[in-house]
Amino acid sequence: MKTCTEIAVFEVTKENLAQVIALSESLFSEINAEQRNIIAHEILVKTDNCQEVCWHLTWANVDAVKASEAKWPSYPSAKQIEALVGKKYYYGHFVRAL
């Protein structure tokens, strides 16, 4: 099965940036607690605007994404992240074209 790449870009105030990064790492661990769904990840900050944060995640496959989406409300870190994140600019999943 093909891996799946997730790109999510969102706004975070400077005051909340460190906490959102730490919570993101916790969230990825929660998602991987039962099985390794996320096989690689990066948390990126836009070069000219440190309030724009990007998750670049590599998922094991599309089924891993779907399973995690169904469990999203049950992840403790997800609720905390949602409370700290401002505008959500972009969110999408991609698989290799070939």
PDB file of N, CA and C in Angstrom:
ATOM      1  N   MET A   1       0.835  -1.176   0.000  1.00  0.00           N
ATOM      2  CA  MET A   1       0.000   0.000   0.000  1.00  0.00           C
ATOM      3  C   MET A   1       0.885   1.246   0.000  1.00  0.00           C
ATOM      4  N   LYS A   2       0.455   2.300  -0.688  1.00  0.00           N
ATOM      5  CA  LYS A   2       1.201   3.551  -0.767  1.00  0.00           C
ATOM      6  C   LYS A   2       1.123   4.321   0.551  1.00  0.00           C
ATOM      7  N   THR A   3       2.226   5.001   0.876  1.00  0.00           N
ATOM      8  CA  THR A   3       2.171   5.917   2.007  1.00  0.00           C
ATOM      9  C   THR A   3       1.322   7.118   1.631  1.00  0.00           C
ATOM     10  N   CYS A   4       0.922   7.877   2.618  1.00  0.00           N
ATOM     11  CA  CYS A   4       0.074   9.049   2.423  1.00  0.00           C
ATOM     12  C   CYS A   4       0.754  10.231   3.119  1.00  0.00           C
ATOM     13  N   THR A   5       0.833  11.359   2.423  1.00  0.00           N
ATOM     14  CA  THR A   5       1.443  12.556   2.989  1.00  0.00           C
ATOM     15  C   THR A   5       0.356  13.547   3.379  1.00  0.00           C
ATOM     16  N   GLU A   6       0.479  14.081   4.578  1.00  0.00           N
ATOM     17  CA  GLU A   6      -0.447  15.102   5.053  1.00  0.00           C
ATOM     18  C   GLU A   6       0.277  16.433   5.161  1.00  0.00           C
ATOM     19  N   ILE A   7      -0.374  17.471   4.678  1.00  0.00           N
ATOM     20  CA  ILE A   7       0.103  18.836   4.843  1.00  0.00           C
ATOM     21  C   ILE A   7      -1.007  19.608   5.552  1.00  0.00           C
ATOM     22  N   ALA A   8      -0.671  20.219   6.660  1.00  0.00           N
ATOM     23  CA  ALA A   8      -1.627  21.043   7.398  1.00  0.00           C
ATOM     24  C   ALA A   8      -0.923  22.342   7.783  1.00  0.00           C
ATOM     25  N   VAL A   9      -1.513  23.460   7.427  1.00  0.00           N
ATOM     26  CA  VAL A   9      -0.942  24.764   7.739  1.00  0.00           C
ATOM     27  C   VAL A   9      -1.958  25.536   8.563  1.00  0.00           C
ATOM     28  N   PHE A  10      -1.488  26.077   9.697  1.00  0.00           N
ATOM     29  CA  PHE A  10      -2.392  26.778  10.584  1.00  0.00           C
ATOM     30  C   PHE A  10      -1.677  27.901  11.309  1.00  0.00           C
ATOM     31  N   GLU A  11      -2.467  28.769  11.898  1.00  0.00           N
ATOM     32  CA  GLU A  11      -1.955  29.939  12.606  1.00  0.00           C
ATOM     33  C   GLU A  11      -1.811  29.627  14.098  1.00  0.00           C
ATOM     34  N   VAL A  12      -0.689  30.064  14.657  1.00  0.00           N
ATOM     35  CA  VAL A  12      -0.446  29.913  16.092  1.00  0.00           C
ATOM     36  C   VAL A  12       0.219  31.202  16.576  1.00  0.00           C
ATOM     37  N   THR A  13      -0.271  31.768  17.652  1.00  0.00           N
ATOM     38  CA  THR A  13       0.369  32.972  18.178  1.00  0.00           C
ATOM     39  C   THR A  13       1.763  32.634  18.698  1.00  0.00           C
ATOM     40  N   LYS A  14       2.621  33.635  18.721  1.00  0.00           N
ATOM     41  CA  LYS A  14       3.995  33.436  19.213  1.00  0.00           C
ATOM     42  C   LYS A  14       3.980  32.881  20.633  1.00  0.00           C
ATOM     43  N   GLU A  15       3.038  33.350  21.430  1.00  0.00           N
ATOM     44  CA  GLU A  15       2.944  32.917  22.831  1.00  0.00           C
ATOM     45  C   GLU A  15       2.597  31.435  22.965  1.00  0.00           C
ATOM     46  N   ASN A  16       1.887  30.892  21.982  1.00  0.00           N
ATOM     47  CA  ASN A  16       1.445  29.496  22.053  1.00  0.00           C
ATOM     48  C   ASN A  16       2.299  28.533  21.225  1.00  0.00           C
ATOM     49  N   LEU A  17       3.277  29.064  20.502  1.00  0.00           N
ATOM     50  CA  LEU A  17       4.038  28.241  19.572  1.00  0.00           C
ATOM     51  C   LEU A  17       4.724  27.057  20.253  1.00  0.00           C
ATOM     52  N   ALA A  18       5.466  27.294  21.310  1.00  0.00           N
ATOM     53  CA  ALA A  18       6.182  26.201  21.983  1.00  0.00           C
ATOM     54  C   ALA A  18       5.213  25.144  22.509  1.00  0.00           C
ATOM     55  N   GLN A  19       4.093  25.579  23.048  1.00  0.00           N
ATOM     56  CA  GLN A  19       3.106  24.636  23.582  1.00  0.00           C
ATOM     57  C   GLN A  19       2.471  23.811  22.459  1.00  0.00           C
ATOM     58  N   VAL A  20       2.167  24.446  21.330  1.00  0.00           N
ATOM     59  CA  VAL A  20       1.578  23.717  20.206  1.00  0.00           C
ATOM     60  C   VAL A  20       2.564  22.704  19.647  1.00  0.00           C
ATOM     61  N   ILE A  21       3.831  23.061  19.581  1.00  0.00           N
ATOM     62  CA  ILE A  21       4.845  22.110  19.104  1.00  0.00           C
ATOM     63  C   ILE A  21       4.923  20.906  20.046  1.00  0.00           C
ATOM     64  N   ALA A  22       4.977  21.167  21.344  1.00  0.00           N
ATOM     65  CA  ALA A  22       5.033  20.064  22.321  1.00  0.00           C
ATOM     66  C   ALA A  22       3.774  19.201  22.255  1.00  0.00           C
ATOM     67  N   LEU A  23       2.617  19.826  22.149  1.00  0.00           N
ATOM     68  CA  LEU A  23       1.367  19.077  22.056  1.00  0.00           C
ATOM     69  C   LEU A  23       1.292  18.275  20.753  1.00  0.00           C
ATOM     70  N   SER A  24       1.841  18.821  19.680  1.00  0.00           N
ATOM     71  CA  SER A  24       1.860  18.101  18.407  1.00  0.00           C
ATOM     72  C   SER A  24       2.661  16.813  18.547  1.00  0.00           C
ATOM     73  N   GLU A  25       3.817  16.901  19.186  1.00  0.00           N
ATOM     74  CA  GLU A  25       4.632  15.702  19.403  1.00  0.00           C
ATOM     75  C   GLU A  25       3.866  14.684  20.244  1.00  0.00           C
ATOM     76  N   SER A  26       3.164  15.160  21.267  1.00  0.00           N
ATOM     77  CA  SER A  26       2.343  14.265  22.094  1.00  0.00           C
ATOM     78  C   SER A  26       1.235  13.626  21.269  1.00  0.00           C
ATOM     79  N   LEU A  27       0.585  14.431  20.436  1.00  0.00           N
ATOM     80  CA  LEU A  27      -0.486  13.911  19.583  1.00  0.00           C
ATOM     81  C   LEU A  27       0.023  12.813  18.664  1.00  0.00           C
ATOM     82  N   PHE A  28       1.168  13.025  18.052  1.00  0.00           N
ATOM     83  CA  PHE A  28       1.706  12.013  17.147  1.00  0.00           C
ATOM     84  C   PHE A  28       1.994  10.718  17.906  1.00  0.00           C
ATOM     85  N   SER A  29       2.456  10.833  19.138  1.00  0.00           N
ATOM     86  CA  SER A  29       2.674   9.639  19.970  1.00  0.00           C
ATOM     87  C   SER A  29       1.355   8.957  20.308  1.00  0.00           C
ATOM     88  N   GLU A  30       0.325   9.735  20.605  1.00  0.00           N
ATOM     89  CA  GLU A  30      -0.995   9.166  20.898  1.00  0.00           C
ATOM     90  C   GLU A  30      -1.539   8.429  19.679  1.00  0.00           C
ATOM     91  N   ILE A  31      -1.366   9.007  18.509  1.00  0.00           N
ATOM     92  CA  ILE A  31      -1.838   8.372  17.274  1.00  0.00           C
ATOM     93  C   ILE A  31      -1.100   7.060  17.031  1.00  0.00           C
ATOM     94  N   ASN A  32       0.163   7.018  17.401  1.00  0.00           N
ATOM     95  CA  ASN A  32       0.982   5.823  17.176  1.00  0.00           C
ATOM     96  C   ASN A  32       0.968   4.837  18.345  1.00  0.00           C
ATOM     97  N   ALA A  33       0.182   5.108  19.374  1.00  0.00           N
ATOM     98  CA  ALA A  33       0.208   4.263  20.577  1.00  0.00           C
ATOM     99  C   ALA A  33      -0.135   2.805  20.300  1.00  0.00           C
ATOM    100  N   GLU A  34      -1.140   2.561  19.469  1.00  0.00           N
ATOM    101  CA  GLU A  34      -1.565   1.187  19.211  1.00  0.00           C
ATOM    102  C   GLU A  34      -0.808   0.550  18.049  1.00  0.00           C
ATOM    103  N   GLN A  35      -0.494   1.353  17.036  1.00  0.00           N
ATOM    104  CA  GLN A  35       0.318   0.881  15.911  1.00  0.00           C
ATOM    105  C   GLN A  35       0.945   2.093  15.251  1.00  0.00           C
ATOM    106  N   ARG A  36       1.973   1.861  14.494  1.00  0.00           N
ATOM    107  CA  ARG A  36       2.721   2.956  13.878  1.00  0.00           C
ATOM    108  C   ARG A  36       1.993   3.466  12.634  1.00  0.00           C
ATOM    109  N   ASN A  37       1.129   4.439  12.839  1.00  0.00           N
ATOM    110  CA  ASN A  37       0.376   5.039  11.743  1.00  0.00           C
ATOM    111  C   ASN A  37       1.151   6.157  11.062  1.00  0.00           C
ATOM    112  N   ILE A  38       1.803   6.992  11.853  1.00  0.00           N
ATOM    113  CA  ILE A  38       2.639   8.069  11.317  1.00  0.00           C
ATOM    114  C   ILE A  38       4.072   7.551  11.311  1.00  0.00           C
ATOM    115  N   ILE A  39       4.654   7.446  10.126  1.00  0.00           N
ATOM    116  CA  ILE A  39       6.004   6.870  10.036  1.00  0.00           C
ATOM    117  C   ILE A  39       7.100   7.930   9.982  1.00  0.00           C
ATOM    118  N   ALA A  40       6.737   9.181   9.738  1.00  0.00           N
ATOM    119  CA  ALA A  40       7.689  10.294   9.775  1.00  0.00           C
ATOM    120  C   ALA A  40       6.899  11.582   9.930  1.00  0.00           C
ATOM    121  N   HIS A  41       7.528  12.575  10.555  1.00  0.00           N
ATOM    122  CA  HIS A  41       6.848  13.857  10.693  1.00  0.00           C
ATOM    123  C   HIS A  41       7.846  14.999  10.837  1.00  0.00           C
ATOM    124  N   GLU A  42       7.387  16.175  10.434  1.00  0.00           N
ATOM    125  CA  GLU A  42       8.119  17.415  10.638  1.00  0.00           C
ATOM    126  C   GLU A  42       7.111  18.469  11.061  1.00  0.00           C
ATOM    127  N   ILE A  43       7.527  19.322  11.967  1.00  0.00           N
ATOM    128  CA  ILE A  43       6.743  20.494  12.337  1.00  0.00           C
ATOM    129  C   ILE A  43       7.563  21.679  11.847  1.00  0.00           C
ATOM    130  N   LEU A  44       6.991  22.434  10.922  1.00  0.00           N
ATOM    131  CA  LEU A  44       7.711  23.505  10.255  1.00  0.00           C
ATOM    132  C   LEU A  44       7.095  24.852  10.582  1.00  0.00           C
ATOM    133  N   VAL A  45       7.935  25.879  10.569  1.00  0.00           N
ATOM    134  CA  VAL A  45       7.485  27.253  10.764  1.00  0.00           C
ATOM    135  C   VAL A  45       7.851  28.024   9.502  1.00  0.00           C
ATOM    136  N   LYS A  46       6.915  28.816   9.010  1.00  0.00           N
ATOM    137  CA  LYS A  46       7.135  29.575   7.787  1.00  0.00           C
ATOM    138  C   LYS A  46       8.298  30.552   7.976  1.00  0.00           C
ATOM    139  N   THR A  47       9.145  30.641   6.981  1.00  0.00           N
ATOM    140  CA  THR A  47      10.366  31.440   7.095  1.00  0.00           C
ATOM    141  C   THR A  47      10.107  32.924   7.315  1.00  0.00           C
ATOM    142  N   ASP A  48       9.051  33.467   6.748  1.00  0.00           N
ATOM    143  CA  ASP A  48       8.799  34.900   6.886  1.00  0.00           C
ATOM    144  C   ASP A  48       7.621  35.230   7.807  1.00  0.00           C
ATOM    145  N   ASN A  49       7.093  34.210   8.493  1.00  0.00           N
ATOM    146  CA  ASN A  49       5.987  34.439   9.414  1.00  0.00           C
ATOM    147  C   ASN A  49       5.941  33.286  10.410  1.00  0.00           C
ATOM    148  N   CYS A  50       6.560  33.469  11.555  1.00  0.00           N
ATOM    149  CA  CYS A  50       6.679  32.377  12.532  1.00  0.00           C
ATOM    150  C   CYS A  50       5.341  31.985  13.144  1.00  0.00           C
ATOM    151  N   GLN A  51       4.266  32.678  12.798  1.00  0.00           N
ATOM    152  CA  GLN A  51       2.949  32.314  13.308  1.00  0.00           C
ATOM    153  C   GLN A  51       2.217  31.345  12.387  1.00  0.00           C
ATOM    154  N   GLU A  52       2.836  30.995  11.255  1.00  0.00           N
ATOM    155  CA  GLU A  52       2.271  29.979  10.377  1.00  0.00           C
ATOM    156  C   GLU A  52       3.070  28.694  10.561  1.00  0.00           C
ATOM    157  N   VAL A  53       2.386  27.677  11.027  1.00  0.00           N
ATOM    158  CA  VAL A  53       2.997  26.394  11.343  1.00  0.00           C
ATOM    159  C   VAL A  53       2.467  25.353  10.366  1.00  0.00           C
ATOM    160  N   CYS A  54       3.328  24.414  10.012  1.00  0.00           N
ATOM    161  CA  CYS A  54       2.950  23.357   9.078  1.00  0.00           C
ATOM    162  C   CYS A  54       3.304  22.001   9.669  1.00  0.00           C
ATOM    163  N   TRP A  55       2.361  21.098   9.591  1.00  0.00           N
ATOM    164  CA  TRP A  55       2.657  19.686   9.863  1.00  0.00           C
ATOM    165  C   TRP A  55       2.891  19.019   8.524  1.00  0.00           C
ATOM    166  N   HIS A  56       3.985  18.320   8.413  1.00  0.00           N
ATOM    167  CA  HIS A  56       4.268  17.488   7.234  1.00  0.00           C
ATOM    168  C   HIS A  56       4.402  16.063   7.775  1.00  0.00           C
ATOM    169  N   LEU A  57       3.355  15.280   7.589  1.00  0.00           N
ATOM    170  CA  LEU A  57       3.308  13.925   8.147  1.00  0.00           C
ATOM    171  C   LEU A  57       3.326  12.894   7.035  1.00  0.00           C
ATOM    172  N   THR A  58       4.033  11.807   7.280  1.00  0.00           N
ATOM    173  CA  THR A  58       3.977  10.664   6.379  1.00  0.00           C
ATOM    174  C   THR A  58       3.263   9.543   7.117  1.00  0.00           C
ATOM    175  N   TRP A  59       2.115   9.181   6.588  1.00  0.00           N
ATOM    176  CA  TRP A  59       1.289   8.126   7.164  1.00  0.00           C
ATOM    177  C   TRP A  59       1.612   6.796   6.502  1.00  0.00           C
ATOM    178  N   ALA A  60       1.403   5.719   7.224  1.00  0.00           N
ATOM    179  CA  ALA A  60       1.665   4.378   6.687  1.00  0.00           C
ATOM    180  C   ALA A  60       0.845   4.127   5.425  1.00  0.00           C
ATOM    181  N   ASN A  61      -0.406   4.613   5.427  1.00  0.00           N
ATOM    182  CA  ASN A  61      -1.297   4.450   4.268  1.00  0.00           C
ATOM    183  C   ASN A  61      -2.578   5.241   4.522  1.00  0.00           C
ATOM    184  N   VAL A  62      -3.445   5.270   3.545  1.00  0.00           N
ATOM    185  CA  VAL A  62      -4.702   6.018   3.667  1.00  0.00           C
ATOM    186  C   VAL A  62      -5.587   5.432   4.768  1.00  0.00           C
ATOM    187  N   ASP A  63      -5.572   4.126   4.937  1.00  0.00           N
ATOM    188  CA  ASP A  63      -6.384   3.505   5.990  1.00  0.00           C
ATOM    189  C   ASP A  63      -5.949   3.980   7.381  1.00  0.00           C
ATOM    190  N   ALA A  64      -4.664   4.215   7.573  1.00  0.00           N
ATOM    191  CA  ALA A  64      -4.163   4.727   8.851  1.00  0.00           C
ATOM    192  C   ALA A  64      -4.708   6.130   9.113  1.00  0.00           C
ATOM    193  N   VAL A  65      -4.788   6.933   8.063  1.00  0.00           N
ATOM    194  CA  VAL A  65      -5.366   8.280   8.183  1.00  0.00           C
ATOM    195  C   VAL A  65      -6.834   8.181   8.600  1.00  0.00           C
ATOM    196  N   LYS A  66      -7.582   7.343   7.910  1.00  0.00           N
ATOM    197  CA  LYS A  66      -9.018   7.207   8.200  1.00  0.00           C
ATOM    198  C   LYS A  66      -9.251   6.722   9.633  1.00  0.00           C
ATOM    199  N   ALA A  67      -8.456   5.765  10.070  1.00  0.00           N
ATOM    200  CA  ALA A  67      -8.606   5.250  11.431  1.00  0.00           C
ATOM    201  C   ALA A  67      -8.318   6.341  12.460  1.00  0.00           C
ATOM    202  N   SER A  68      -7.299   7.135  12.204  1.00  0.00           N
ATOM    203  CA  SER A  68      -6.941   8.215  13.116  1.00  0.00           C
ATOM    204  C   SER A  68      -7.996   9.324  13.120  1.00  0.00           C
ATOM    205  N   GLU A  69      -8.537   9.645  11.953  1.00  0.00           N
ATOM    206  CA  GLU A  69      -9.589  10.663  11.883  1.00  0.00           C
ATOM    207  C   GLU A  69     -10.798  10.258  12.726  1.00  0.00           C
ATOM    208  N   ALA A  70     -11.124   8.985  12.711  1.00  0.00           N
ATOM    209  CA  ALA A  70     -12.263   8.503  13.490  1.00  0.00           C
ATOM    210  C   ALA A  70     -12.005   8.636  14.993  1.00  0.00           C
ATOM    211  N   LYS A  71     -10.744   8.531  15.390  1.00  0.00           N
ATOM    212  CA  LYS A  71     -10.386   8.610  16.810  1.00  0.00           C
ATOM    213  C   LYS A  71     -10.014  10.019  17.258  1.00  0.00           C
ATOM    214  N   TRP A  72      -9.962  10.983  16.323  1.00  0.00           N
ATOM    215  CA  TRP A  72      -9.487  12.336  16.626  1.00  0.00           C
ATOM    216  C   TRP A  72     -10.071  12.906  17.918  1.00  0.00           C
ATOM    217  N   PRO A  73     -11.373  12.848  18.135  1.00  0.00           N
ATOM    218  CA  PRO A  73     -11.929  13.440  19.364  1.00  0.00           C
ATOM    219  C   PRO A  73     -11.436  12.775  20.658  1.00  0.00           C
ATOM    220  N   SER A  74     -10.931  11.573  20.565  1.00  0.00           N
ATOM    221  CA  SER A  74     -10.496  10.860  21.772  1.00  0.00           C
ATOM    222  C   SER A  74      -9.034  11.143  22.147  1.00  0.00           C
ATOM    223  N   TYR A  75      -8.282  11.801  21.289  1.00  0.00           N
ATOM    224  CA  TYR A  75      -6.882  12.109  21.603  1.00  0.00           C
ATOM    225  C   TYR A  75      -6.822  13.345  22.502  1.00  0.00           C
ATOM    226  N   PRO A  76      -6.297  13.210  23.719  1.00  0.00           N
ATOM    227  CA  PRO A  76      -6.247  14.351  24.641  1.00  0.00           C
ATOM    228  C   PRO A  76      -5.516  15.569  24.071  1.00  0.00           C
ATOM    229  N   SER A  77      -4.429  15.346  23.372  1.00  0.00           N
ATOM    230  CA  SER A  77      -3.663  16.471  22.828  1.00  0.00           C
ATOM    231  C   SER A  77      -4.403  17.188  21.708  1.00  0.00           C
ATOM    232  N   ALA A  78      -5.257  16.485  21.001  1.00  0.00           N
ATOM    233  CA  ALA A  78      -6.011  17.107  19.898  1.00  0.00           C
ATOM    234  C   ALA A  78      -6.903  18.225  20.417  1.00  0.00           C
ATOM    235  N   LYS A  79      -7.573  17.973  21.517  1.00  0.00           N
ATOM    236  CA  LYS A  79      -8.460  18.990  22.090  1.00  0.00           C
ATOM    237  C   LYS A  79      -7.672  20.229  22.519  1.00  0.00           C
ATOM    238  N   GLN A  80      -6.513  20.007  23.093  1.00  0.00           N
ATOM    239  CA  GLN A  80      -5.689  21.118  23.549  1.00  0.00           C
ATOM    240  C   GLN A  80      -5.133  21.914  22.372  1.00  0.00           C
ATOM    241  N   ILE A  81      -4.713  21.210  21.326  1.00  0.00           N
ATOM    242  CA  ILE A  81      -4.210  21.885  20.128  1.00  0.00           C
ATOM    243  C   ILE A  81      -5.318  22.729  19.503  1.00  0.00           C
ATOM    244  N   GLU A  82      -6.500  22.158  19.372  1.00  0.00           N
ATOM    245  CA  GLU A  82      -7.631  22.875  18.779  1.00  0.00           C
ATOM    246  C   GLU A  82      -7.906  24.183  19.524  1.00  0.00           C
ATOM    247  N   ALA A  83      -7.717  24.176  20.839  1.00  0.00           N
ATOM    248  CA  ALA A  83      -7.970  25.373  21.637  1.00  0.00           C
ATOM    249  C   ALA A  83      -6.912  26.457  21.406  1.00  0.00           C
ATOM    250  N   LEU A  84      -5.723  26.056  20.984  1.00  0.00           N
ATOM    251  CA  LEU A  84      -4.621  27.010  20.822  1.00  0.00           C
ATOM    252  C   LEU A  84      -4.395  27.482  19.389  1.00  0.00           C
ATOM    253  N   VAL A  85      -4.933  26.762  18.437  1.00  0.00           N
ATOM    254  CA  VAL A  85      -4.714  27.082  17.028  1.00  0.00           C
ATOM    255  C   VAL A  85      -5.736  28.112  16.573  1.00  0.00           C
ATOM    256  N   GLY A  86      -5.245  29.070  15.787  1.00  0.00           N
ATOM    257  CA  GLY A  86      -6.143  30.071  15.213  1.00  0.00           C
ATOM    258  C   GLY A  86      -6.670  29.587  13.875  1.00  0.00           C
ATOM    259  N   LYS A  87      -6.524  30.395  12.879  1.00  0.00           N
ATOM    260  CA  LYS A  87      -7.032  30.092  11.549  1.00  0.00           C
ATOM    261  C   LYS A  87      -6.344  28.865  10.957  1.00  0.00           C
ATOM    262  N   LYS A  88      -7.132  28.024  10.318  1.00  0.00           N
ATOM    263  CA  LYS A  88      -6.597  26.856   9.609  1.00  0.00           C
ATOM    264  C   LYS A  88      -6.540  27.219   8.130  1.00  0.00           C
ATOM    265  N   TYR A  89      -5.335  27.339   7.598  1.00  0.00           N
ATOM    266  CA  TYR A  89      -5.162  27.785   6.220  1.00  0.00           C
ATOM    267  C   TYR A  89      -5.341  26.673   5.201  1.00  0.00           C
ATOM    268  N   TYR A  90      -4.792  25.502   5.516  1.00  0.00           N
ATOM    269  CA  TYR A  90      -4.850  24.422   4.535  1.00  0.00           C
ATOM    270  C   TYR A  90      -4.704  23.088   5.245  1.00  0.00           C
ATOM    271  N   TYR A  91      -5.378  22.066   4.703  1.00  0.00           N
ATOM    272  CA  TYR A  91      -5.306  20.723   5.252  1.00  0.00           C
ATOM    273  C   TYR A  91      -5.582  19.758   4.114  1.00  0.00           C
ATOM    274  N   GLY A  92      -4.671  18.843   3.855  1.00  0.00           N
ATOM    275  CA  GLY A  92      -4.896  17.894   2.796  1.00  0.00           C
ATOM    276  C   GLY A  92      -4.018  16.656   2.894  1.00  0.00           C
ATOM    277  N   HIS A  93      -4.482  15.587   2.249  1.00  0.00           N
ATOM    278  CA  HIS A  93      -3.744  14.312   2.188  1.00  0.00           C
ATOM    279  C   HIS A  93      -3.428  13.997   0.741  1.00  0.00           C
ATOM    280  N   PHE A  94      -2.239  13.465   0.500  1.00  0.00           N
ATOM    281  CA  PHE A  94      -1.779  13.193  -0.845  1.00  0.00           C
ATOM    282  C   PHE A  94      -1.110  11.819  -0.911  1.00  0.00           C
ATOM    283  N   VAL A  95      -1.248  11.166  -2.059  1.00  0.00           N
ATOM    284  CA  VAL A  95      -0.503   9.941  -2.337  1.00  0.00           C
ATOM    285  C   VAL A  95       0.271  10.161  -3.632  1.00  0.00           C
ATOM    286  N   ARG A  96       1.321   9.357  -3.807  1.00  0.00           N
ATOM    287  CA  ARG A  96       2.113   9.453  -5.039  1.00  0.00           C
ATOM    288  C   ARG A  96       1.251   9.269  -6.259  1.00  0.00           C
ATOM    289  N   ALA A  97       1.493  10.083  -7.264  1.00  0.00           N
ATOM    290  CA  ALA A  97       0.717  10.016  -8.496  1.00  0.00           C
ATOM    291  C   ALA A  97       1.054   8.781  -9.328  1.00  0.00           C
ATOM    292  N   LEU A  98       2.255   8.304  -9.248  1.00  0.00           N
ATOM    293  CA  LEU A  98       2.675   7.147 -10.038  1.00  0.00           C
ATOM    294  C   LEU A  98       2.969   5.958  -9.164  1.00  0.00           C
TER     295      LEU A  98
END
